[in-house]
Amino acid sequence: MSLIPVKQIRIGEFIENCRSRERAEAIDPDFVQSLLQNGLINPIEVRPIRQRVDGQKMEFYDLTAGERRVRHLAFILQNFLEEFKNKFSEEGNGYKLYWNGEEALVEASFFKGTDTEAQIRNLEENRRRADLLPSELARGVQLIRQKGGSYEDAAAVIGKSKKAVSDLHEWFLNSTAELKKATDEGIISLERSRELSECTPSEQRNVVEQVREILTNAPAKREAGEQVRMVIDKVTGRQTKPSTIVGFTPASTVTFSDEEQPAPSNGTPKNGKPSNGTIRCSVRTTGGLRQIVLQLEEKIDDCHKRFDDDSLEDFERSQVAENLARYQGAQESILFVLGDVEELSFLA
């Protein structure tokens, strides 16, 4: 590891961040305070490069990983320079940050791979934060492709099948800005958004407008969800299909009870279990399942917010990631049963 001058780091010269520019440049006050108090947890990653400027050779460091950290450091040096000097002026302080009396230095590792590998590295780092929006994830695939990478390269980072990654990229290329935004906001699920991306741009915009109006005026989430589904079905020409898992389209609540059976002489029921007519299971209505999907969506959003908290310990972050995976898997499974999802990504 080496200490390099912060002012010589260049962002966006070597690779592009898959995050939206607005989100990438946003300053988090809590992260600012964390850096001032604790320094860096992990070093940034750069590619050293020499260029001639005004006839002189200059050394720069093109950023590969750590844009959020560098942007917040630049903000600190502009707004809290004295605090930075007081905290990090001792050489070998262990904070991965240092003020040498003239300029700020940050610890960095050097990247030696290809442009394609660097772009893959960017997506990999952003994926760790688990809060990438669908359009940002798809843009990450697009950037890898532009650098000469393959769908297999992107799939290895994202953890999905090659087909799922290819479908995501196709959605990104065909959907309008309005549809992307509605999908990022969770107003329209990614699976339904993929279907809509096959429609004309004007149809996509009209659906987004109708969906926003429904969500504004509908008195209940369940009612809004059903109206949204009908609007999308009408435009895409898609009808809800019977589930391939259970072989039926949920329509009404059904309950099953054990029939009471006469006990044999030893007092034990024939099936070895108490036979008191208690409910064994229930099948929910379509609307009930969609309500569960909405509840899971809230839990998923909460996990994303918690994961982005830099004060979390590693074991806490790991637990949040496990919960997030569980909620997403449950939600996707229910959507598959309802016919809204054509393929389960964790089985692909």
Protein backbone atom coordinates (compact mmCIF):
# COMPACT_ATOMS: atom_id res chain seq x y z
CA MET A 1 0.00 0.00 0.00
CA SER A 2 1.13 3.57 -0.70
CA LEU A 3 0.07 7.05 0.34
CA ILE A 4 -0.85 9.22 -2.65
CA PRO A 5 -1.91 12.90 -2.88
CA VAL A 6 -5.67 13.33 -2.91
CA LYS A 7 -5.39 16.25 -5.37
CA GLN A 8 -3.77 13.98 -7.98
CA ILE A 9 -6.65 11.48 -8.03
CA ARG A 10 -8.86 11.65 -11.11
CA ILE A 11 -12.44 10.39 -11.17
CA GLY A 12 -14.03 9.11 -14.38
CA GLU A 13 -10.88 9.18 -16.52
CA PHE A 14 -10.29 5.43 -16.46
CA ILE A 15 -13.72 3.95 -15.77
CA GLU A 16 -17.27 5.20 -15.22
CA ASN A 17 -19.30 4.70 -12.08
CA CYS A 18 -22.47 2.70 -12.67
CA ARG A 19 -24.32 4.80 -10.09
CA SER A 20 -26.35 7.77 -11.21
CA ARG A 21 -24.33 10.98 -11.12
CA GLU A 22 -26.70 12.54 -8.59
CA ARG A 23 -26.29 9.66 -6.16
CA ALA A 24 -22.57 9.29 -6.77
CA GLU A 25 -21.92 12.96 -5.96
CA ALA A 26 -24.24 13.15 -2.94
CA ILE A 27 -22.51 14.02 0.34
CA ASP A 28 -23.54 12.11 3.45
CA PRO A 29 -22.91 14.14 6.65
CA ASP A 30 -22.69 10.96 8.73
CA PHE A 31 -19.98 9.57 6.46
CA VAL A 32 -18.10 12.88 6.67
CA GLN A 33 -18.06 12.62 10.46
CA SER A 34 -17.08 8.95 10.30
CA LEU A 35 -14.06 9.78 8.12
CA LEU A 36 -12.99 12.61 10.43
CA GLN A 37 -13.27 10.41 13.50
CA ASN A 38 -12.15 7.00 12.24
CA GLY A 39 -10.28 7.55 8.98
CA LEU A 40 -10.66 4.98 6.19
CA ILE A 41 -11.56 1.36 6.82
CA ASN A 42 -10.39 0.23 3.38
CA PRO A 43 -7.91 1.93 1.04
CA ILE A 44 -9.01 3.22 -2.33
CA GLU A 45 -7.81 1.63 -5.58
CA VAL A 46 -6.14 3.54 -8.43
CA ARG A 47 -4.17 3.08 -11.63
CA PRO A 48 -1.00 5.25 -11.75
CA ILE A 49 -0.44 7.04 -15.04
CA ARG A 50 2.11 9.59 -16.26
CA GLN A 51 1.05 12.31 -18.68
CA ARG A 52 2.75 15.34 -20.14
CA VAL A 53 1.11 18.61 -19.07
CA ASP A 54 2.51 21.93 -20.37
CA GLY A 55 5.66 20.14 -21.41
CA GLN A 56 6.22 18.48 -18.04
CA LYS A 57 5.61 14.90 -17.01
CA MET A 58 2.93 14.68 -14.33
CA GLU A 59 1.78 11.66 -12.36
CA PHE A 60 -1.93 11.09 -11.85
CA TYR A 61 -3.97 8.33 -10.26
CA ASP A 62 -7.08 7.25 -12.14
CA LEU A 63 -9.63 5.93 -9.66
CA THR A 64 -10.76 2.33 -9.98
CA ALA A 65 -12.61 1.86 -6.68
CA GLY A 66 -13.56 4.26 -3.90
CA GLU A 67 -15.30 7.21 -5.59
CA ARG A 68 -17.58 7.80 -2.60
CA ARG A 69 -14.58 7.95 -0.25
CA VAL A 70 -12.62 10.31 -2.50
CA ARG A 71 -15.56 12.67 -3.00
CA HIS A 72 -16.13 12.87 0.74
CA LEU A 73 -12.41 13.46 1.36
CA ALA A 74 -12.45 16.32 -1.16
CA PHE A 75 -15.48 17.77 0.64
CA ILE A 76 -13.67 17.53 3.99
CA LEU A 77 -10.56 19.24 2.62
CA GLN A 78 -12.72 22.10 1.34
CA ASN A 79 -14.87 22.53 4.43
CA PHE A 80 -13.07 20.96 7.43
CA LEU A 81 -9.40 21.36 6.56
CA GLU A 82 -8.24 22.33 10.06
CA GLU A 83 -10.02 19.33 11.61
CA PHE A 84 -8.34 17.10 9.02
CA LYS A 85 -4.91 18.56 9.80
CA ASN A 86 -5.37 18.16 13.57
CA LYS A 87 -6.54 14.56 13.25
CA PHE A 88 -4.16 13.15 10.67
CA SER A 89 -0.87 15.07 11.00
CA GLU A 90 0.97 12.27 12.79
CA GLU A 91 2.91 10.09 10.37
CA GLY A 92 1.98 6.41 10.53
CA ASN A 93 -1.23 7.23 12.39
CA GLY A 94 -3.03 4.08 11.20
CA TYR A 95 -6.02 5.98 9.82
CA LYS A 96 -4.99 5.53 6.14
CA LEU A 97 -5.11 9.34 5.89
CA TYR A 98 -2.22 11.75 6.43
CA TRP A 99 -1.45 15.48 6.33
CA ASN A 100 2.25 15.93 5.57
CA GLY A 101 2.31 19.66 6.28
CA GLU A 102 1.50 20.62 2.71
CA GLU A 103 -1.17 18.31 1.33
CA ALA A 104 -3.55 15.48 2.16
CA LEU A 105 -2.56 11.91 1.37
CA VAL A 106 -4.71 8.78 1.27
CA GLU A 107 -3.73 5.12 1.31
CA ALA A 108 -4.25 3.36 -2.01
CA SER A 109 -3.60 0.05 -3.70
CA PHE A 110 -2.56 -0.03 -7.34
CA PHE A 111 -4.70 -1.68 -10.01
CA LYS A 112 -2.81 -3.45 -12.81
CA GLY A 113 -5.59 -5.09 -14.82
CA THR A 114 -7.25 -4.27 -18.13
CA ASP A 115 -9.91 -1.63 -18.75
CA THR A 116 -12.53 -4.38 -18.83
CA GLU A 117 -11.36 -5.78 -15.50
CA ALA A 118 -11.41 -2.30 -14.00
CA GLN A 119 -15.02 -1.73 -15.06
CA ILE A 120 -15.98 -5.12 -13.65
CA ARG A 121 -14.21 -4.12 -10.44
CA ASN A 122 -16.35 -0.98 -10.19
CA LEU A 123 -19.60 -2.94 -10.47
CA GLU A 124 -18.31 -5.48 -7.96
CA GLU A 125 -17.55 -2.81 -5.38
CA ASN A 126 -20.90 -1.08 -5.81
CA ARG A 127 -22.75 -4.40 -5.55
CA ARG A 128 -21.30 -4.91 -2.08
CA ARG A 129 -23.34 -1.99 -0.81
CA ALA A 130 -26.53 -3.82 -1.86
CA ASP A 131 -28.47 -0.64 -2.65
CA LEU A 132 -27.91 -0.36 -6.38
CA LEU A 133 -31.04 0.68 -8.24
CA PRO A 134 -32.18 -1.53 -11.15
CA SER A 135 -31.10 1.09 -13.70
CA GLU A 136 -27.68 1.43 -12.03
CA LEU A 137 -27.15 -2.31 -12.03
CA ALA A 138 -28.15 -2.44 -15.70
CA ARG A 139 -25.86 0.48 -16.48
CA GLY A 140 -23.04 -1.45 -14.84
CA VAL A 141 -23.67 -4.25 -17.34
CA GLN A 142 -23.77 -1.70 -20.17
CA LEU A 143 -20.40 -0.20 -19.12
CA ILE A 144 -18.78 -3.64 -18.94
CA ARG A 145 -20.04 -4.42 -22.42
CA GLN A 146 -18.70 -1.10 -23.71
CA LYS A 147 -15.27 -1.98 -22.29
CA GLY A 148 -15.30 -5.28 -24.19
CA GLY A 149 -16.62 -7.46 -21.40
CA SER A 150 -19.23 -10.20 -21.77
CA TYR A 151 -22.52 -11.06 -20.14
CA GLU A 152 -20.70 -13.90 -18.39
CA ASP A 153 -18.35 -11.35 -16.80
CA ALA A 154 -21.27 -9.30 -15.50
CA ALA A 155 -23.21 -12.39 -14.39
CA ALA A 156 -20.27 -13.53 -12.26
CA VAL A 157 -20.38 -10.21 -10.37
CA ILE A 158 -24.15 -9.89 -10.08
CA GLY A 159 -24.73 -13.51 -9.13
CA LYS A 160 -27.41 -14.17 -11.75
CA SER A 161 -27.57 -16.25 -14.91
CA LYS A 162 -26.25 -15.02 -18.24
CA LYS A 163 -29.84 -14.84 -19.54
CA ALA A 164 -31.00 -12.77 -16.56
CA VAL A 165 -28.14 -10.32 -17.12
CA SER A 166 -28.84 -10.19 -20.86
CA ASP A 167 -32.53 -9.49 -20.17
CA LEU A 168 -31.58 -6.74 -17.71
CA HIS A 169 -29.36 -5.09 -20.30
CA GLU A 170 -32.07 -5.32 -22.95
CA TRP A 171 -34.52 -3.68 -20.54
CA PHE A 172 -32.03 -0.86 -19.96
CA LEU A 173 -31.62 -0.26 -23.69
CA ASN A 174 -35.35 -0.33 -24.53
CA SER A 175 -37.02 1.40 -21.57
CA THR A 176 -37.71 5.13 -21.43
CA ALA A 177 -36.31 7.41 -18.74
CA GLU A 178 -39.77 7.57 -17.17
CA LEU A 179 -40.04 3.78 -16.96
CA LYS A 180 -36.53 3.45 -15.52
CA LYS A 181 -37.34 6.02 -12.85
CA ALA A 182 -40.63 4.33 -11.91
CA THR A 183 -38.80 1.00 -11.65
CA ASP A 184 -36.03 2.49 -9.51
CA GLU A 185 -38.66 3.97 -7.20
CA GLY A 186 -40.35 0.57 -6.84
CA ILE A 187 -43.59 1.84 -8.35
CA ILE A 188 -43.37 -0.84 -11.06
CA SER A 189 -41.60 -4.13 -10.44
CA LEU A 190 -38.59 -4.95 -12.60
CA GLU A 191 -40.35 -7.97 -14.10
CA ARG A 192 -43.39 -5.93 -15.16
CA SER A 193 -41.08 -3.15 -16.32
CA ARG A 194 -39.26 -5.62 -18.56
CA GLU A 195 -42.58 -6.49 -20.19
CA LEU A 196 -43.40 -2.81 -20.66
CA SER A 197 -40.01 -2.15 -22.25
CA GLU A 198 -41.23 -4.17 -25.24
CA CYS A 199 -43.98 -1.60 -25.81
CA THR A 200 -43.58 1.69 -27.68
CA PRO A 201 -42.06 4.67 -25.82
CA SER A 202 -45.41 6.48 -25.79
CA GLU A 203 -47.14 3.42 -24.30
CA GLN A 204 -44.46 3.18 -21.62
CA ARG A 205 -44.91 6.84 -20.67
CA ASN A 206 -48.70 6.53 -20.60
CA VAL A 207 -48.54 3.51 -18.27
CA VAL A 208 -46.15 5.25 -15.89
CA GLU A 209 -48.45 8.27 -15.81
CA GLN A 210 -51.50 6.08 -15.11
CA VAL A 211 -49.68 4.12 -12.41
CA ARG A 212 -48.62 7.28 -10.61
CA GLU A 213 -52.19 8.57 -10.73
CA ILE A 214 -53.52 5.28 -9.35
CA LEU A 215 -51.04 5.27 -6.46
CA THR A 216 -51.95 8.88 -5.66
CA ASN A 217 -55.72 8.34 -5.63
CA ALA A 218 -56.28 4.71 -4.60
CA PRO A 219 -57.58 4.41 -1.01
CA ALA A 220 -55.68 1.19 -0.21
CA LYS A 221 -52.46 -0.51 -1.28
CA ARG A 222 -54.26 -3.72 -2.22
CA GLU A 223 -56.70 -1.90 -4.47
CA ALA A 224 -53.90 0.13 -6.02
CA GLY A 225 -51.88 -3.00 -6.72
CA GLU A 226 -54.76 -4.66 -8.53
CA GLN A 227 -55.45 -1.55 -10.61
CA VAL A 228 -51.78 -1.24 -11.55
CA ARG A 229 -51.68 -4.89 -12.58
CA MET A 230 -54.74 -4.43 -14.81
CA VAL A 231 -53.28 -1.35 -16.50
CA ILE A 232 -50.02 -3.14 -17.29
CA ASP A 233 -51.81 -6.31 -18.42
CA LYS A 234 -53.95 -4.28 -20.82
CA VAL A 235 -50.97 -2.62 -22.49
CA THR A 236 -48.75 -5.69 -22.67
CA GLY A 237 -51.59 -8.02 -23.64
CA ARG A 238 -50.57 -10.32 -20.83
CA GLN A 239 -53.07 -12.21 -18.72
CA THR A 240 -52.39 -13.71 -15.31
CA LYS A 241 -51.57 -17.38 -15.83
CA PRO A 242 -52.10 -20.36 -13.54
CA SER A 243 -49.07 -20.98 -11.37
CA THR A 244 -46.65 -23.59 -12.71
CA ILE A 245 -45.80 -24.55 -9.14
CA VAL A 246 -49.19 -25.30 -7.62
CA GLY A 247 -51.31 -25.61 -10.75
CA PHE A 248 -53.98 -23.07 -9.92
CA THR A 249 -54.67 -19.36 -9.96
CA PRO A 250 -55.40 -18.27 -6.35
CA ALA A 251 -58.91 -16.94 -6.27
CA SER A 252 -60.43 -17.56 -2.85
CA THR A 253 -59.32 -18.48 0.63
CA VAL A 254 -59.43 -22.22 1.23
CA THR A 255 -58.71 -23.95 4.51
CA PHE A 256 -58.01 -27.60 5.19
CA SER A 257 -58.67 -29.42 8.45
CA ASP A 258 -57.84 -32.87 9.65
CA GLU A 259 -60.96 -34.97 9.82
CA GLU A 260 -61.57 -36.24 13.29
CA GLN A 261 -60.84 -39.94 13.36
CA PRO A 262 -61.82 -42.43 16.01
CA ALA A 263 -58.90 -43.23 18.27
CA PRO A 264 -57.81 -46.87 18.58
CA SER A 265 -57.93 -48.64 21.88
CA ASN A 266 -54.53 -47.30 22.94
CA GLY A 267 -55.82 -43.70 22.58
CA THR A 268 -53.50 -42.71 19.71
CA PRO A 269 -55.07 -41.37 16.48
CA LYS A 270 -54.47 -43.39 13.31
CA ASN A 271 -52.15 -40.77 11.83
CA GLY A 272 -50.13 -40.43 15.03
CA LYS A 273 -51.14 -36.77 15.51
CA PRO A 274 -53.86 -35.12 17.55
CA SER A 275 -57.08 -35.16 15.58
CA ASN A 276 -59.00 -32.16 16.86
CA GLY A 277 -60.09 -30.47 13.62
CA THR A 278 -57.39 -27.76 13.84
CA ILE A 279 -56.40 -25.97 10.65
CA ARG A 280 -53.48 -27.57 8.82
CA CYS A 281 -52.89 -24.83 6.23
CA SER A 282 -54.53 -22.03 4.29
CA VAL A 283 -54.23 -20.77 0.74
CA ARG A 284 -54.40 -16.98 0.49
CA THR A 285 -56.26 -14.96 -2.11
CA THR A 286 -54.39 -13.34 -4.98
CA GLY A 287 -54.90 -10.00 -3.30
CA GLY A 288 -53.57 -11.39 -0.03
CA LEU A 289 -50.42 -12.63 -1.73
CA ARG A 290 -49.90 -9.27 -3.36
CA GLN A 291 -50.27 -7.62 0.04
CA ILE A 292 -47.47 -9.85 1.32
CA VAL A 293 -45.35 -8.75 -1.65
CA LEU A 294 -45.86 -5.13 -0.61
CA GLN A 295 -44.96 -5.92 2.99
CA LEU A 296 -41.79 -7.67 1.84
CA GLU A 297 -40.97 -4.64 -0.32
CA GLU A 298 -41.01 -2.47 2.81
CA LYS A 299 -38.68 -4.89 4.60
CA ILE A 300 -36.34 -4.92 1.59
CA ASP A 301 -36.25 -1.11 1.54
CA ASP A 302 -35.45 -1.08 5.25
CA CYS A 303 -32.58 -3.53 4.70
CA HIS A 304 -31.16 -1.32 1.94
CA LYS A 305 -31.22 1.70 4.26
CA ARG A 306 -29.58 -0.20 7.10
CA PHE A 307 -26.91 -1.70 4.85
CA ASP A 308 -25.90 1.81 3.77
CA ASP A 309 -25.20 2.75 7.39
CA ASP A 310 -21.41 3.00 7.67
CA SER A 311 -21.58 2.64 11.46
CA LEU A 312 -22.67 -1.02 11.20
CA GLU A 313 -20.25 -3.64 12.44
CA ASP A 314 -19.27 -6.40 10.01
CA PHE A 315 -21.40 -9.04 11.73
CA GLU A 316 -24.41 -6.68 11.73
CA ARG A 317 -23.93 -5.93 8.04
CA SER A 318 -23.72 -9.67 7.36
CA GLN A 319 -27.01 -10.23 9.20
CA VAL A 320 -28.71 -7.45 7.23
CA ALA A 321 -27.43 -9.00 3.98
CA GLU A 322 -28.84 -12.40 4.99
CA ASN A 323 -32.23 -10.86 5.82
CA LEU A 324 -32.23 -8.97 2.53
CA ALA A 325 -31.54 -12.14 0.55
CA ARG A 326 -34.29 -13.99 2.43
CA TYR A 327 -36.89 -11.25 1.86
CA GLN A 328 -35.98 -10.91 -1.83
CA GLY A 329 -36.18 -14.67 -2.33
CA ALA A 330 -39.59 -14.84 -0.65
CA GLN A 331 -40.90 -11.93 -2.68
CA GLU A 332 -39.66 -13.37 -5.97
CA SER A 333 -41.17 -16.77 -5.15
CA ILE A 334 -44.60 -15.25 -4.48
CA LEU A 335 -44.41 -13.20 -7.69
CA PHE A 336 -43.54 -16.42 -9.54
CA VAL A 337 -46.62 -18.13 -8.08
CA LEU A 338 -48.75 -15.18 -9.14
CA GLY A 339 -47.34 -15.34 -12.67
CA ASP A 340 -45.59 -11.95 -12.52
CA VAL A 341 -42.11 -13.50 -12.77
CA GLU A 342 -41.18 -15.87 -15.58
CA GLU A 343 -37.95 -17.17 -14.03
CA LEU A 344 -36.63 -17.57 -10.49
CA SER A 345 -33.18 -15.99 -10.55
CA PHE A 346 -31.83 -18.12 -7.71
CA LEU A 347 -32.63 -21.25 -9.74
CA ALA A 348 -31.37 -19.88 -13.05
